[in-house]
C-alpha atoms as a PDB file:
ATOM      1  CA  MET A   1     -26.945 -50.099  15.552  1.00  0.00           C
ATOM      2  CA  ALA A   2     -23.863 -52.232  16.420  1.00  0.00           C
ATOM      3  CA  SER A   3     -21.991 -52.149  19.412  1.00  0.00           C
ATOM      4  CA  HIS A   4     -18.882 -53.660  20.036  1.00  0.00           C
ATOM      5  CA  ALA A   5     -18.026 -55.487  23.249  1.00  0.00           C
ATOM      6  CA  GLY A   6     -15.383 -57.472  25.107  1.00  0.00           C
ATOM      7  CA  HIS A   7     -11.603 -56.995  25.610  1.00  0.00           C
ATOM      8  CA  PHE A   8      -8.865 -56.435  23.148  1.00  0.00           C
ATOM      9  CA  GLU A   9      -5.240 -55.796  23.031  1.00  0.00           C
ATOM     10  CA  GLY A  10      -4.368 -52.701  21.220  1.00  0.00           C
ATOM     11  CA  GLN A  11      -0.949 -51.414  19.536  1.00  0.00           C
ATOM     12  CA  SER A  12       0.720 -48.426  21.693  1.00  0.00           C
ATOM     13  CA  TRP A  13       1.634 -45.132  19.518  1.00  0.00           C
ATOM     14  CA  PRO A  14       5.051 -45.684  17.907  1.00  0.00           C
ATOM     15  CA  GLY A  15       8.059 -45.764  19.851  1.00  0.00           C
ATOM     16  CA  GLU A  16       5.905 -47.498  22.542  1.00  0.00           C
ATOM     17  CA  PRO A  17       7.348 -50.934  22.946  1.00  0.00           C
ATOM     18  CA  THR A  18       4.473 -52.800  24.731  1.00  0.00           C
ATOM     19  CA  PRO A  19       0.645 -53.273  23.904  1.00  0.00           C
ATOM     20  CA  PHE A  20      -1.959 -51.821  25.880  1.00  0.00           C
ATOM     21  CA  PRO A  21      -4.798 -54.259  27.169  1.00  0.00           C
ATOM     22  CA  SER A  22      -8.341 -52.544  27.196  1.00  0.00           C
ATOM     23  CA  GLU A  23     -12.005 -52.865  26.312  1.00  0.00           C
ATOM     24  CA  TYR A  24     -14.958 -51.850  24.229  1.00  0.00           C
ATOM     25  CA  LEU A  25     -17.746 -49.898  26.000  1.00  0.00           C
ATOM     26  CA  GLY A  26     -20.118 -52.591  24.349  1.00  0.00           C
ATOM     27  CA  GLU A  27     -22.888 -50.508  25.660  1.00  0.00           C
ATOM     28  CA  THR A  28     -26.065 -50.402  23.409  1.00  0.00           C
ATOM     29  CA  GLN A  29     -29.684 -49.738  23.558  1.00  0.00           C
ATOM     30  CA  ILE A  30     -33.146 -49.025  21.762  1.00  0.00           C
ATOM     31  CA  LEU A  31     -35.267 -45.761  22.382  1.00  0.00           C
ATOM     32  CA  SER A  32     -38.620 -44.855  21.551  1.00  0.00           C
ATOM     33  CA  GLY A  33     -39.524 -41.321  20.032  1.00  0.00           C
ATOM     34  CA  HIS A  34     -39.884 -40.390  23.014  1.00  0.00           C
ATOM     35  CA  VAL A  35     -36.439 -40.815  24.634  1.00  0.00           C
ATOM     36  CA  GLU A  36     -37.912 -44.126  26.516  1.00  0.00           C
ATOM     37  CA  VAL A  37     -35.283 -46.926  26.830  1.00  0.00           C
ATOM     38  CA  LEU A  38     -37.115 -49.928  25.561  1.00  0.00           C
ATOM     39  CA  ALA A  39     -34.327 -52.444  25.393  1.00  0.00           C
ATOM     40  CA  ARG A  40     -30.746 -52.132  26.914  1.00  0.00           C
ATOM     41  CA  MET A  41     -27.322 -53.836  26.885  1.00  0.00           C
ATOM     42  CA  SER A  42     -24.339 -52.663  29.261  1.00  0.00           C
ATOM     43  CA  ARG A  43     -20.800 -53.861  29.025  1.00  0.00           C
ATOM     44  CA  ALA A  44     -21.645 -55.860  32.252  1.00  0.00           C
ATOM     45  CA  ASP A  45     -24.049 -57.907  30.407  1.00  0.00           C
ATOM     46  CA  GLY A  46     -21.513 -59.403  28.497  1.00  0.00           C
ATOM     47  CA  GLU A  47     -22.182 -60.361  24.059  1.00  0.00           C
ATOM     48  CA  GLY A  48     -25.711 -60.714  22.855  1.00  0.00           C
ATOM     49  CA  ILE A  49     -28.517 -59.247  21.050  1.00  0.00           C
ATOM     50  CA  VAL A  50     -31.296 -56.555  22.220  1.00  0.00           C
ATOM     51  CA  THR A  51     -34.640 -56.157  20.106  1.00  0.00           C
ATOM     52  CA  ALA A  52     -37.603 -53.961  20.770  1.00  0.00           C
ATOM     53  CA  ASP A  53     -40.684 -53.341  19.144  1.00  0.00           C
ATOM     54  CA  ILE A  54     -40.762 -49.958  17.643  1.00  0.00           C
ATOM     55  CA  LEU A  55     -43.139 -48.017  15.730  1.00  0.00           C
ATOM     56  CA  PRO A  56     -41.659 -46.272  12.754  1.00  0.00           C
ATOM     57  CA  GLY A  57     -42.583 -42.764  11.725  1.00  0.00           C
ATOM     58  CA  GLN A  58     -42.315 -39.516  13.245  1.00  0.00           C
ATOM     59  CA  THR A  59     -43.016 -38.421  16.799  1.00  0.00           C
ATOM     60  CA  PRO A  60     -45.542 -35.692  16.880  1.00  0.00           C
ATOM     61  CA  GLN A  61     -44.132 -34.290  20.268  1.00  0.00           C
ATOM     62  CA  ALA A  62     -40.928 -31.934  20.420  1.00  0.00           C
ATOM     63  CA  LEU A  63     -37.903 -33.828  22.107  1.00  0.00           C
ATOM     64  CA  PRO A  64     -35.943 -32.939  24.438  1.00  0.00           C
ATOM     65  CA  SER A  65     -32.380 -31.261  24.047  1.00  0.00           C
ATOM     66  CA  ILE A  66     -29.199 -33.514  23.715  1.00  0.00           C
ATOM     67  CA  PRO A  67     -26.817 -31.728  26.500  1.00  0.00           C
ATOM     68  CA  ASN A  68     -23.803 -30.376  25.064  1.00  0.00           C
ATOM     69  CA  ARG A  69     -21.591 -33.047  26.493  1.00  0.00           C
ATOM     70  CA  PHE A  70     -23.955 -35.771  25.681  1.00  0.00           C
ATOM     71  CA  TRP A  71     -21.705 -38.040  23.446  1.00  0.00           C
ATOM     72  CA  ILE A  72     -18.669 -36.886  24.988  1.00  0.00           C
ATOM     73  CA  PRO A  73     -18.071 -37.322  28.622  1.00  0.00           C
ATOM     74  CA  GLU A  74     -15.964 -34.480  30.901  1.00  0.00           C
ATOM     75  CA  MET A  75     -12.323 -36.383  31.222  1.00  0.00           C
ATOM     76  CA  PRO A  76     -10.073 -35.778  33.806  1.00  0.00           C
ATOM     77  CA  LYS A  77      -7.328 -32.718  33.259  1.00  0.00           C
ATOM     78  CA  GLU A  78      -4.452 -35.608  32.596  1.00  0.00           C
ATOM     79  CA  ILE A  79      -6.341 -37.594  30.540  1.00  0.00           C
ATOM     80  CA  ASP A  80      -7.513 -34.604  27.641  1.00  0.00           C
ATOM     81  CA  ARG A  81      -3.783 -33.428  27.910  1.00  0.00           C
ATOM     82  CA  ALA A  82      -2.635 -37.317  27.143  1.00  0.00           C
ATOM     83  CA  TRP A  83      -5.616 -36.776  24.334  1.00  0.00           C
ATOM     84  CA  ALA A  84      -4.151 -33.353  22.768  1.00  0.00           C
ATOM     85  CA  LEU A  85      -0.428 -34.602  22.485  1.00  0.00           C
ATOM     86  CA  SER A  86      -1.676 -38.148  20.787  1.00  0.00           C
ATOM     87  CA  ILE A  87      -3.667 -36.355  18.304  1.00  0.00           C
ATOM     88  CA  GLN A  88      -0.302 -34.880  16.938  1.00  0.00           C
ATOM     89  CA  THR A  89       1.558 -38.302  17.245  1.00  0.00           C
ATOM     90  CA  GLY A  90      -1.560 -39.760  15.746  1.00  0.00           C
ATOM     91  CA  ARG A  91      -1.627 -37.528  12.768  1.00  0.00           C
ATOM     92  CA  GLU A  92       1.979 -37.627  12.219  1.00  0.00           C
ATOM     93  CA  TYR A  93       1.779 -41.564  12.183  1.00  0.00           C
ATOM     94  CA  TYR A  94      -1.181 -41.449   9.872  1.00  0.00           C
ATOM     95  CA  LEU A  95       0.640 -38.925   6.946  1.00  0.00           C
ATOM     96  CA  SER A  96       3.898 -40.874   7.499  1.00  0.00           C
ATOM     97  CA  THR A  97       2.451 -44.639   7.192  1.00  0.00           C
ATOM     98  CA  THR A  98      -1.228 -45.153   7.098  1.00  0.00           C
ATOM     99  CA  LEU A  99      -1.758 -42.794   4.212  1.00  0.00           C
ATOM    100  CA  PRO A 100       1.134 -44.015   2.054  1.00  0.00           C
ATOM    101  CA  TYR A 101      -0.042 -47.732   3.067  1.00  0.00           C
ATOM    102  CA  LEU A 102      -3.276 -46.934   1.664  1.00  0.00           C
ATOM    103  CA  LYS A 103      -2.115 -45.377  -1.364  1.00  0.00           C
ATOM    104  CA  ARG A 104       0.004 -48.194  -2.163  1.00  0.00           C
ATOM    105  CA  ARG A 105      -3.291 -50.765  -1.549  1.00  0.00           C
ATOM    106  CA  PHE A 106      -5.816 -49.222  -3.359  1.00  0.00           C
ATOM    107  CA  LYS A 107      -3.590 -47.230  -6.182  1.00  0.00           C
ATOM    108  CA  SER A 108      -5.362 -44.232  -5.989  1.00  0.00           C
END
């Protein structure tokens, strides 16, 4: 699985005059069928490649269940509010700008 690493400068939402600096999480890992970490690289490790020897096939025993918030960590309330507001702005921008561009570009 690929994972992006490094810094980038993103565009602000429409109406925001300045770009914002950010960085990709850049975290990647390879797990065994028993959920053991075989190889891992964090953002702090920088750019690189991880490899591990694996045995393809089904794991004979039951795996632990994935916690409800495994993929999406708990965030501070102000971040949640900003996210909720940006969803609406993003939807409006997509409908007014991105979708018309894609339709022109691919003439679908």
